[in-house]
Amino acid sequence: MKTLVLVKKYTLGLVNALKDEEEFSLVNRELNEFSSLLSTHPELSGALANPLIPGARKSIIVQEILTRAAAAMKTTRFVLLLLEHGRLSLLPDILRNLPVLWHEKKGVSTFEVSSVVSLSESQQEKLKQKLEELEKRPVFLHFKNDPDLLAGLSLRKGNVIYDASVKGHLNKLRERICEG
């Protein structure tokens, strides 16, 4: 629970520091690239998490990496803030929440749409239009494939899941049968 609170705190802080869509896209991309670098180089992430390496040395390493990547100042400051407070391990969770909180700040509802196969552009657009009608505000859709669904869609908005999948219907049917 404490981790979720920290993730939201840092994510909101970053969202409030970003001024426009262009800066959001840039910082989001750069943070994702840095996070990817950490996940593909365990020796680097291990060194940055090692309590025996002085914080000043870790800071120099991170600054060198981000300077070579020509990262924006806000990206560098944010990563250094996480490093300084020993919260660099929160970066993947922050990145998952960043688009949601950014769009929320802009008055846009975010839905995660899961399907077995990728939806066509026309299907995506129809779904978006229908959700905008229901929400009475703009929506942002994040699409992902989930082979466990069998068929249909699963929509997630925050903690609420709308399950229109065959798997979901089968689970409901099983529950009814078990209830008698």
N, C-alpha and C. Protein backbone atom coordinates (compact mmCIF):
# COMPACT_ATOMS: atom_id res chain seq x y z
N MET A 1 0.83 -1.20 0.00
CA MET A 1 0.00 0.00 0.00
C MET A 1 0.86 1.25 0.00
N LYS A 2 1.93 1.22 0.80
CA LYS A 2 2.83 2.37 0.87
C LYS A 2 3.47 2.64 -0.49
N THR A 3 3.80 1.55 -1.20
CA THR A 3 4.40 1.71 -2.52
C THR A 3 3.45 2.41 -3.47
N LEU A 4 2.17 2.03 -3.44
CA LEU A 4 1.18 2.67 -4.32
C LEU A 4 1.06 4.16 -4.04
N VAL A 5 1.09 4.51 -2.76
CA VAL A 5 1.01 5.93 -2.38
C VAL A 5 2.23 6.68 -2.89
N LEU A 6 3.40 6.09 -2.75
CA LEU A 6 4.63 6.73 -3.24
C LEU A 6 4.62 6.87 -4.75
N VAL A 7 4.18 5.82 -5.45
CA VAL A 7 4.11 5.88 -6.92
C VAL A 7 3.21 7.03 -7.35
N LYS A 8 2.05 7.13 -6.73
CA LYS A 8 1.11 8.19 -7.09
C LYS A 8 1.70 9.57 -6.76
N LYS A 9 2.37 9.68 -5.62
CA LYS A 9 2.96 10.95 -5.21
C LYS A 9 4.00 11.42 -6.23
N TYR A 10 4.92 10.55 -6.58
CA TYR A 10 5.96 10.92 -7.54
C TYR A 10 5.38 11.16 -8.93
N THR A 11 4.41 10.34 -9.33
CA THR A 11 3.80 10.51 -10.65
C THR A 11 3.06 11.84 -10.73
N LEU A 12 2.29 12.17 -9.70
CA LEU A 12 1.58 13.46 -9.69
C LEU A 12 2.55 14.63 -9.70
N GLY A 13 3.63 14.49 -8.95
CA GLY A 13 4.65 15.55 -8.95
C GLY A 13 5.21 15.78 -10.34
N LEU A 14 5.48 14.70 -11.04
CA LEU A 14 6.00 14.83 -12.41
C LEU A 14 4.95 15.42 -13.34
N VAL A 15 3.72 14.93 -13.24
CA VAL A 15 2.63 15.44 -14.09
C VAL A 15 2.47 16.94 -13.88
N ASN A 16 2.51 17.39 -12.65
CA ASN A 16 2.34 18.82 -12.36
C ASN A 16 3.51 19.66 -12.83
N ALA A 17 4.68 19.03 -13.01
CA ALA A 17 5.86 19.76 -13.48
C ALA A 17 5.88 19.90 -15.01
N LEU A 18 5.09 19.08 -15.70
CA LEU A 18 5.09 19.12 -17.17
C LEU A 18 4.11 20.17 -17.66
N LYS A 19 4.55 20.94 -18.67
CA LYS A 19 3.72 22.08 -19.09
C LYS A 19 2.78 21.79 -20.25
N ASP A 20 3.16 20.88 -21.17
CA ASP A 20 2.30 20.64 -22.32
C ASP A 20 2.49 19.22 -22.86
N GLU A 21 1.70 18.87 -23.85
CA GLU A 21 1.71 17.53 -24.43
C GLU A 21 3.08 17.18 -25.02
N GLU A 22 3.72 18.15 -25.63
CA GLU A 22 5.03 17.92 -26.24
C GLU A 22 6.07 17.55 -25.16
N GLU A 23 6.07 18.29 -24.07
CA GLU A 23 7.01 17.99 -22.99
C GLU A 23 6.67 16.65 -22.33
N PHE A 24 5.37 16.38 -22.17
CA PHE A 24 4.96 15.08 -21.62
C PHE A 24 5.49 13.95 -22.48
N SER A 25 5.29 14.03 -23.79
CA SER A 25 5.75 12.97 -24.70
C SER A 25 7.25 12.78 -24.62
N LEU A 26 7.99 13.88 -24.60
CA LEU A 26 9.45 13.81 -24.53
C LEU A 26 9.92 13.15 -23.24
N VAL A 27 9.44 13.63 -22.11
CA VAL A 27 9.87 13.10 -20.82
C VAL A 27 9.42 11.65 -20.65
N ASN A 28 8.21 11.34 -21.07
CA ASN A 28 7.70 9.97 -20.99
C ASN A 28 8.58 9.02 -21.81
N ARG A 29 8.93 9.42 -23.02
CA ARG A 29 9.78 8.61 -23.89
C ARG A 29 11.16 8.41 -23.26
N GLU A 30 11.75 9.49 -22.77
CA GLU A 30 13.09 9.41 -22.20
C GLU A 30 13.11 8.55 -20.92
N LEU A 31 12.09 8.69 -20.10
CA LEU A 31 12.02 7.87 -18.89
C LEU A 31 11.83 6.39 -19.23
N ASN A 32 11.04 6.11 -20.26
CA ASN A 32 10.86 4.73 -20.71
C ASN A 32 12.17 4.15 -21.24
N GLU A 33 12.93 4.97 -21.96
CA GLU A 33 14.22 4.52 -22.47
C GLU A 33 15.18 4.23 -21.31
N PHE A 34 15.20 5.09 -20.31
CA PHE A 34 16.07 4.89 -19.15
C PHE A 34 15.64 3.64 -18.39
N SER A 35 14.35 3.45 -18.20
CA SER A 35 13.84 2.27 -17.51
C SER A 35 14.20 1.00 -18.27
N SER A 36 14.10 1.06 -19.59
CA SER A 36 14.47 -0.07 -20.43
C SER A 36 15.96 -0.38 -20.29
N LEU A 37 16.76 0.66 -20.23
CA LEU A 37 18.20 0.49 -20.03
C LEU A 37 18.48 -0.22 -18.71
N LEU A 38 17.78 0.17 -17.66
CA LEU A 38 17.97 -0.47 -16.36
C LEU A 38 17.55 -1.94 -16.39
N SER A 39 16.45 -2.22 -17.07
CA SER A 39 15.96 -3.61 -17.09
C SER A 39 16.82 -4.52 -17.97
N THR A 40 17.48 -3.96 -18.99
CA THR A 40 18.32 -4.78 -19.86
C THR A 40 19.77 -4.85 -19.39
N HIS A 41 20.14 -4.05 -18.41
CA HIS A 41 21.49 -4.06 -17.86
C HIS A 41 21.42 -4.22 -16.33
N PRO A 42 21.25 -5.47 -15.88
CA PRO A 42 21.09 -5.70 -14.44
C PRO A 42 22.30 -5.25 -13.61
N GLU A 43 23.48 -5.23 -14.23
CA GLU A 43 24.66 -4.77 -13.49
C GLU A 43 24.55 -3.28 -13.18
N LEU A 44 23.95 -2.51 -14.09
CA LEU A 44 23.75 -1.08 -13.85
C LEU A 44 22.71 -0.87 -12.76
N SER A 45 21.57 -1.54 -12.89
CA SER A 45 20.52 -1.36 -11.87
C SER A 45 21.01 -1.87 -10.51
N GLY A 46 21.81 -2.91 -10.51
CA GLY A 46 22.37 -3.42 -9.27
C GLY A 46 23.31 -2.42 -8.63
N ALA A 47 24.15 -1.78 -9.45
CA ALA A 47 25.08 -0.77 -8.93
C ALA A 47 24.33 0.43 -8.36
N LEU A 48 23.25 0.85 -9.03
CA LEU A 48 22.48 2.00 -8.56
C LEU A 48 21.70 1.68 -7.28
N ALA A 49 21.43 0.39 -7.05
CA ALA A 49 20.71 -0.01 -5.84
C ALA A 49 21.66 -0.41 -4.71
N ASN A 50 22.93 -0.53 -5.02
CA ASN A 50 23.91 -0.99 -4.03
C ASN A 50 24.17 0.08 -2.96
N PRO A 51 23.90 -0.24 -1.70
CA PRO A 51 24.11 0.75 -0.63
C PRO A 51 25.60 1.02 -0.34
N LEU A 52 26.48 0.17 -0.86
CA LEU A 52 27.91 0.37 -0.61
C LEU A 52 28.54 1.39 -1.56
N ILE A 53 27.83 1.70 -2.65
CA ILE A 53 28.32 2.71 -3.59
C ILE A 53 27.78 4.06 -3.13
N PRO A 54 28.67 5.03 -2.96
CA PRO A 54 28.21 6.36 -2.49
C PRO A 54 27.19 7.00 -3.44
N GLY A 55 26.25 7.70 -2.85
CA GLY A 55 25.21 8.38 -3.63
C GLY A 55 25.77 9.34 -4.66
N ALA A 56 26.84 10.02 -4.32
CA ALA A 56 27.45 10.97 -5.27
C ALA A 56 27.96 10.24 -6.51
N ARG A 57 28.52 9.06 -6.32
CA ARG A 57 29.03 8.26 -7.45
C ARG A 57 27.87 7.79 -8.34
N LYS A 58 26.78 7.35 -7.70
CA LYS A 58 25.59 6.92 -8.45
C LYS A 58 25.03 8.09 -9.26
N SER A 59 25.01 9.25 -8.65
CA SER A 59 24.50 10.45 -9.31
C SER A 59 25.34 10.78 -10.55
N ILE A 60 26.66 10.66 -10.43
CA ILE A 60 27.54 10.93 -11.57
C ILE A 60 27.27 9.94 -12.70
N ILE A 61 27.07 8.67 -12.36
CA ILE A 61 26.79 7.63 -13.37
C ILE A 61 25.50 7.97 -14.11
N VAL A 62 24.44 8.28 -13.36
CA VAL A 62 23.14 8.59 -13.97
C VAL A 62 23.24 9.85 -14.83
N GLN A 63 23.90 10.89 -14.33
CA GLN A 63 24.05 12.12 -15.11
C GLN A 63 24.81 11.86 -16.40
N GLU A 64 25.83 11.03 -16.35
CA GLU A 64 26.60 10.72 -17.55
C GLU A 64 25.74 9.98 -18.58
N ILE A 65 24.98 9.03 -18.13
CA ILE A 65 24.09 8.28 -19.02
C ILE A 65 23.07 9.21 -19.68
N LEU A 66 22.42 10.04 -18.86
CA LEU A 66 21.38 10.91 -19.39
C LEU A 66 21.95 12.05 -20.24
N THR A 67 23.16 12.49 -19.96
CA THR A 67 23.81 13.50 -20.79
C THR A 67 24.12 12.92 -22.17
N ARG A 68 24.65 11.70 -22.19
CA ARG A 68 24.94 11.04 -23.47
C ARG A 68 23.68 10.79 -24.27
N ALA A 69 22.57 10.56 -23.57
CA ALA A 69 21.29 10.35 -24.26
C ALA A 69 20.62 11.66 -24.63
N ALA A 70 21.24 12.78 -24.28
CA ALA A 70 20.69 14.12 -24.53
C ALA A 70 19.29 14.27 -23.93
N ALA A 71 19.13 13.76 -22.71
CA ALA A 71 17.83 13.81 -22.05
C ALA A 71 17.50 15.24 -21.61
N ALA A 72 16.21 15.52 -21.57
CA ALA A 72 15.73 16.83 -21.12
C ALA A 72 16.08 17.03 -19.64
N MET A 73 16.18 18.28 -19.25
CA MET A 73 16.53 18.61 -17.87
C MET A 73 15.52 18.03 -16.88
N LYS A 74 14.23 18.07 -17.21
CA LYS A 74 13.22 17.53 -16.29
C LYS A 74 13.36 16.03 -16.13
N THR A 75 13.73 15.35 -17.21
CA THR A 75 13.95 13.90 -17.12
C THR A 75 15.11 13.63 -16.18
N THR A 76 16.21 14.34 -16.37
CA THR A 76 17.39 14.15 -15.54
C THR A 76 17.09 14.46 -14.08
N ARG A 77 16.43 15.56 -13.82
CA ARG A 77 16.12 15.94 -12.44
C ARG A 77 15.21 14.91 -11.77
N PHE A 78 14.24 14.39 -12.53
CA PHE A 78 13.32 13.41 -11.96
C PHE A 78 14.04 12.11 -11.61
N VAL A 79 14.88 11.63 -12.51
CA VAL A 79 15.62 10.40 -12.24
C VAL A 79 16.56 10.59 -11.05
N LEU A 80 17.22 11.74 -10.99
CA LEU A 80 18.12 12.01 -9.87
C LEU A 80 17.35 12.11 -8.55
N LEU A 81 16.14 12.66 -8.59
CA LEU A 81 15.29 12.74 -7.39
C LEU A 81 14.95 11.33 -6.90
N LEU A 82 14.54 10.47 -7.82
CA LEU A 82 14.24 9.09 -7.45
C LEU A 82 15.47 8.40 -6.87
N LEU A 83 16.62 8.61 -7.51
CA LEU A 83 17.87 8.01 -7.06
C LEU A 83 18.23 8.49 -5.66
N GLU A 84 18.15 9.80 -5.45
CA GLU A 84 18.52 10.40 -4.17
C GLU A 84 17.68 9.86 -3.01
N HIS A 85 16.40 9.60 -3.28
CA HIS A 85 15.50 9.12 -2.24
C HIS A 85 15.39 7.60 -2.20
N GLY A 86 16.22 6.92 -2.99
CA GLY A 86 16.20 5.45 -3.01
C GLY A 86 14.93 4.88 -3.59
N ARG A 87 14.34 5.57 -4.56
CA ARG A 87 13.06 5.17 -5.13
C ARG A 87 13.16 4.82 -6.62
N LEU A 88 14.34 4.57 -7.13
CA LEU A 88 14.50 4.27 -8.55
C LEU A 88 13.74 3.00 -8.94
N SER A 89 13.55 2.10 -7.99
CA SER A 89 12.81 0.87 -8.28
C SER A 89 11.33 1.14 -8.58
N LEU A 90 10.84 2.33 -8.24
CA LEU A 90 9.44 2.69 -8.52
C LEU A 90 9.22 3.14 -9.96
N LEU A 91 10.30 3.36 -10.70
CA LEU A 91 10.18 3.93 -12.05
C LEU A 91 9.23 3.15 -12.96
N PRO A 92 9.30 1.81 -13.05
CA PRO A 92 8.34 1.12 -13.93
C PRO A 92 6.88 1.37 -13.56
N ASP A 93 6.58 1.39 -12.26
CA ASP A 93 5.20 1.66 -11.82
C ASP A 93 4.80 3.11 -12.11
N ILE A 94 5.73 4.02 -11.93
CA ILE A 94 5.46 5.43 -12.25
C ILE A 94 5.14 5.57 -13.73
N LEU A 95 5.90 4.88 -14.56
CA LEU A 95 5.68 4.96 -16.00
C LEU A 95 4.34 4.36 -16.42
N ARG A 96 3.88 3.34 -15.70
CA ARG A 96 2.56 2.78 -16.01
C ARG A 96 1.45 3.77 -15.65
N ASN A 97 1.66 4.54 -14.60
CA ASN A 97 0.63 5.48 -14.14
C ASN A 97 0.72 6.85 -14.79
N LEU A 98 1.86 7.18 -15.36
CA LEU A 98 2.07 8.52 -15.90
C LEU A 98 1.05 8.91 -16.97
N PRO A 99 0.82 8.09 -18.00
CA PRO A 99 -0.18 8.52 -19.01
C PRO A 99 -1.58 8.67 -18.42
N VAL A 100 -1.93 7.79 -17.50
CA VAL A 100 -3.27 7.86 -16.89
C VAL A 100 -3.46 9.17 -16.15
N LEU A 101 -2.50 9.53 -15.29
CA LEU A 101 -2.62 10.76 -14.52
C LEU A 101 -2.48 12.00 -15.39
N TRP A 102 -1.65 11.92 -16.43
CA TRP A 102 -1.52 13.05 -17.37
C TRP A 102 -2.85 13.31 -18.05
N HIS A 103 -3.48 12.25 -18.57
CA HIS A 103 -4.75 12.42 -19.26
C HIS A 103 -5.86 12.85 -18.29
N GLU A 104 -5.81 12.30 -17.08
CA GLU A 104 -6.79 12.70 -16.06
C GLU A 104 -6.70 14.20 -15.78
N LYS A 105 -5.48 14.71 -15.70
CA LYS A 105 -5.28 16.15 -15.47
C LYS A 105 -5.88 16.97 -16.60
N LYS A 106 -5.84 16.42 -17.80
CA LYS A 106 -6.37 17.11 -18.98
C LYS A 106 -7.87 16.86 -19.18
N GLY A 107 -8.51 16.14 -18.26
CA GLY A 107 -9.94 15.88 -18.37
C GLY A 107 -10.28 14.75 -19.31
N VAL A 108 -9.35 13.83 -19.51
CA VAL A 108 -9.55 12.72 -20.44
C VAL A 108 -9.57 11.42 -19.63
N SER A 109 -10.59 10.58 -19.88
CA SER A 109 -10.67 9.28 -19.22
C SER A 109 -9.77 8.29 -19.94
N THR A 110 -9.06 7.46 -19.18
CA THR A 110 -8.16 6.48 -19.77
C THR A 110 -8.72 5.08 -19.55
N PHE A 111 -8.78 4.31 -20.63
CA PHE A 111 -9.22 2.92 -20.57
C PHE A 111 -8.12 2.03 -21.10
N GLU A 112 -7.92 0.90 -20.44
CA GLU A 112 -7.04 -0.13 -20.96
C GLU A 112 -7.94 -1.16 -21.62
N VAL A 113 -7.74 -1.39 -22.91
CA VAL A 113 -8.58 -2.31 -23.68
C VAL A 113 -7.77 -3.56 -23.99
N SER A 114 -8.26 -4.70 -23.51
CA SER A 114 -7.59 -5.97 -23.77
C SER A 114 -8.44 -6.79 -24.73
N SER A 115 -7.78 -7.39 -25.71
CA SER A 115 -8.46 -8.27 -26.66
C SER A 115 -7.50 -9.37 -27.08
N VAL A 116 -8.05 -10.44 -27.65
CA VAL A 116 -7.21 -11.56 -28.07
C VAL A 116 -6.35 -11.15 -29.26
N VAL A 117 -6.96 -10.46 -30.20
CA VAL A 117 -6.24 -9.97 -31.38
C VAL A 117 -6.35 -8.45 -31.43
N SER A 118 -5.45 -7.85 -32.15
CA SER A 118 -5.48 -6.39 -32.29
C SER A 118 -6.74 -5.96 -33.02
N LEU A 119 -7.33 -4.87 -32.54
CA LEU A 119 -8.51 -4.32 -33.18
C LEU A 119 -8.10 -3.49 -34.39
N SER A 120 -8.95 -3.49 -35.41
CA SER A 120 -8.68 -2.65 -36.58
C SER A 120 -8.86 -1.19 -36.20
N GLU A 121 -8.36 -0.30 -37.05
CA GLU A 121 -8.50 1.13 -36.76
C GLU A 121 -9.96 1.54 -36.67
N SER A 122 -10.82 1.00 -37.54
CA SER A 122 -12.23 1.36 -37.50
C SER A 122 -12.89 0.84 -36.22
N GLN A 123 -12.50 -0.37 -35.77
CA GLN A 123 -13.03 -0.90 -34.51
C GLN A 123 -12.57 -0.05 -33.33
N GLN A 124 -11.31 0.36 -33.35
CA GLN A 124 -10.78 1.21 -32.29
C GLN A 124 -11.54 2.53 -32.25
N GLU A 125 -11.77 3.12 -33.40
CA GLU A 125 -12.46 4.41 -33.47
C GLU A 125 -13.91 4.29 -33.00
N LYS A 126 -14.61 3.21 -33.40
CA LYS A 126 -16.00 3.00 -32.95
C LYS A 126 -16.05 2.84 -31.44
N LEU A 127 -15.12 2.07 -30.88
CA LEU A 127 -15.07 1.88 -29.44
C LEU A 127 -14.82 3.21 -28.73
N LYS A 128 -13.90 3.98 -29.27
CA LYS A 128 -13.58 5.29 -28.69
C LYS A 128 -14.80 6.20 -28.71
N GLN A 129 -15.50 6.26 -29.84
CA GLN A 129 -16.69 7.10 -29.95
C GLN A 129 -17.77 6.68 -28.94
N LYS A 130 -17.98 5.37 -28.80
CA LYS A 130 -19.00 4.87 -27.89
C LYS A 130 -18.64 5.20 -26.43
N LEU A 131 -17.37 5.03 -26.09
CA LEU A 131 -16.94 5.35 -24.72
C LEU A 131 -17.02 6.85 -24.44
N GLU A 132 -16.72 7.67 -25.43
CA GLU A 132 -16.85 9.13 -25.25
C GLU A 132 -18.31 9.52 -25.05
N GLU A 133 -19.22 8.83 -25.74
CA GLU A 133 -20.65 9.06 -25.54
C GLU A 133 -21.05 8.72 -24.10
N LEU A 134 -20.60 7.57 -23.63
CA LEU A 134 -20.96 7.12 -22.29
C LEU A 134 -20.31 7.97 -21.20
N GLU A 135 -19.06 8.35 -21.39
CA GLU A 135 -18.32 9.13 -20.40
C GLU A 135 -18.67 10.62 -20.44
N LYS A 136 -19.16 11.07 -21.59
CA LYS A 136 -19.45 12.49 -21.82
C LYS A 136 -18.19 13.35 -21.67
N ARG A 137 -17.06 12.80 -22.11
CA ARG A 137 -15.78 13.49 -22.11
C ARG A 137 -14.82 12.71 -23.02
N PRO A 138 -13.74 13.32 -23.42
CA PRO A 138 -12.78 12.61 -24.28
C PRO A 138 -12.19 11.40 -23.55
N VAL A 139 -11.80 10.38 -24.32
CA VAL A 139 -11.17 9.21 -23.74
C VAL A 139 -9.86 8.91 -24.46
N PHE A 140 -8.95 8.29 -23.74
CA PHE A 140 -7.69 7.79 -24.29
C PHE A 140 -7.72 6.28 -24.10
N LEU A 141 -7.47 5.54 -25.18
CA LEU A 141 -7.51 4.09 -25.11
C LEU A 141 -6.10 3.52 -25.26
N HIS A 142 -5.74 2.66 -24.32
CA HIS A 142 -4.46 1.94 -24.39
C HIS A 142 -4.81 0.49 -24.72
N PHE A 143 -4.38 0.02 -25.90
CA PHE A 143 -4.73 -1.31 -26.36
C PHE A 143 -3.62 -2.30 -26.06
N LYS A 144 -4.03 -3.52 -25.65
CA LYS A 144 -3.07 -4.60 -25.47
C LYS A 144 -3.74 -5.92 -25.80
N ASN A 145 -2.93 -6.88 -26.22
CA ASN A 145 -3.43 -8.20 -26.53
C ASN A 145 -3.33 -9.10 -25.30
N ASP A 146 -4.38 -9.89 -25.08
CA ASP A 146 -4.41 -10.83 -23.96
C ASP A 146 -4.94 -12.16 -24.48
N PRO A 147 -4.06 -13.11 -24.79
CA PRO A 147 -4.49 -14.38 -25.36
C PRO A 147 -5.37 -15.22 -24.42
N ASP A 148 -5.41 -14.90 -23.13
CA ASP A 148 -6.22 -15.65 -22.18
C ASP A 148 -7.72 -15.34 -22.29
N LEU A 149 -8.09 -14.30 -23.01
CA LEU A 149 -9.49 -13.89 -23.07
C LEU A 149 -10.36 -14.82 -23.91
N LEU A 150 -9.82 -15.55 -24.83
CA LEU A 150 -10.53 -16.41 -25.79
C LEU A 150 -11.17 -15.57 -26.90
N ALA A 151 -12.08 -14.67 -26.54
CA ALA A 151 -12.73 -13.78 -27.52
C ALA A 151 -13.37 -12.64 -26.75
N GLY A 152 -13.68 -11.55 -27.46
CA GLY A 152 -14.33 -10.41 -26.83
C GLY A 152 -13.33 -9.39 -26.33
N LEU A 153 -13.81 -8.51 -25.43
CA LEU A 153 -13.00 -7.41 -24.90
C LEU A 153 -13.09 -7.34 -23.39
N SER A 154 -12.05 -6.78 -22.81
CA SER A 154 -12.06 -6.44 -21.40
C SER A 154 -11.58 -5.00 -21.31
N LEU A 155 -12.36 -4.15 -20.65
CA LEU A 155 -12.01 -2.74 -20.49
C LEU A 155 -11.72 -2.46 -19.03
N ARG A 156 -10.67 -1.69 -18.79
CA ARG A 156 -10.33 -1.34 -17.41
C ARG A 156 -10.18 0.18 -17.33
N LYS A 157 -10.88 0.77 -16.38
CA LYS A 157 -10.75 2.20 -16.09
C LYS A 157 -10.47 2.31 -14.60
N GLY A 158 -9.21 2.59 -14.27
CA GLY A 158 -8.83 2.62 -12.87
C GLY A 158 -8.96 1.24 -12.26
N ASN A 159 -9.78 1.14 -11.21
CA ASN A 159 -9.99 -0.15 -10.55
C ASN A 159 -11.24 -0.88 -11.03
N VAL A 160 -11.96 -0.30 -12.01
CA VAL A 160 -13.19 -0.88 -12.51
C VAL A 160 -12.91 -1.64 -13.80
N ILE A 161 -13.39 -2.88 -13.87
CA ILE A 161 -13.20 -3.70 -15.06
C ILE A 161 -14.56 -4.01 -15.66
N TYR A 162 -14.70 -3.76 -16.96
CA TYR A 162 -15.89 -4.11 -17.72
C TYR A 162 -15.49 -5.29 -18.59
N ASP A 163 -16.04 -6.46 -18.28
CA ASP A 163 -15.61 -7.67 -18.96
C ASP A 163 -16.68 -8.12 -19.95
N ALA A 164 -16.36 -8.00 -21.23
CA ALA A 164 -17.26 -8.46 -22.30
C ALA A 164 -16.55 -9.56 -23.09
N SER A 165 -15.82 -10.40 -22.37
CA SER A 165 -15.08 -11.48 -23.02
C SER A 165 -15.78 -12.80 -22.81
N VAL A 166 -15.46 -13.77 -23.65
CA VAL A 166 -16.02 -15.11 -23.51
C VAL A 166 -15.54 -15.71 -22.18
N LYS A 167 -14.29 -15.48 -21.84
CA LYS A 167 -13.75 -15.99 -20.57
C LYS A 167 -14.55 -15.44 -19.40
N GLY A 168 -14.87 -14.14 -19.44
CA GLY A 168 -15.65 -13.53 -18.37
C GLY A 168 -17.05 -14.13 -18.27
N HIS A 169 -17.68 -14.36 -19.43
CA HIS A 169 -19.02 -14.95 -19.43
C HIS A 169 -18.99 -16.38 -18.90
N LEU A 170 -17.94 -17.14 -19.27
CA LEU A 170 -17.81 -18.51 -18.78
C LEU A 170 -17.60 -18.53 -17.26
N ASN A 171 -16.81 -17.59 -16.75
CA ASN A 171 -16.60 -17.51 -15.30
C ASN A 171 -17.91 -17.19 -14.57
N LYS A 172 -18.71 -16.27 -15.14
CA LYS A 172 -20.01 -15.94 -14.52
C LYS A 172 -20.94 -17.14 -14.54
N LEU A 173 -20.92 -17.88 -15.65
CA LEU A 173 -21.76 -19.07 -15.78
C LEU A 173 -21.34 -20.12 -14.73
N ARG A 174 -20.03 -20.31 -14.55
CA ARG A 174 -19.51 -21.25 -13.56
C ARG A 174 -19.96 -20.84 -12.16
N GLU A 175 -19.93 -19.53 -11.85
CA GLU A 175 -20.36 -19.05 -10.55
C GLU A 175 -21.84 -19.36 -10.31
N ARG A 176 -22.67 -19.17 -11.34
CA ARG A 176 -24.11 -19.43 -11.21
C ARG A 176 -24.36 -20.92 -10.97
N ILE A 177 -23.61 -21.76 -11.69
CA ILE A 177 -23.78 -23.21 -11.54
C ILE A 177 -23.37 -23.63 -10.14
N CYS A 178 -22.27 -23.07 -9.64
CA CYS A 178 -21.78 -23.42 -8.29
C CYS A 178 -22.74 -22.95 -7.20
N GLU A 179 -23.43 -21.84 -7.45
CA GLU A 179 -24.38 -21.32 -6.47
C GLU A 179 -25.63 -22.20 -6.38
N GLY A 180 -25.91 -22.91 -7.45
CA GLY A 180 -27.04 -23.83 -7.43
C GLY A 180 -28.19 -23.24 -8.11
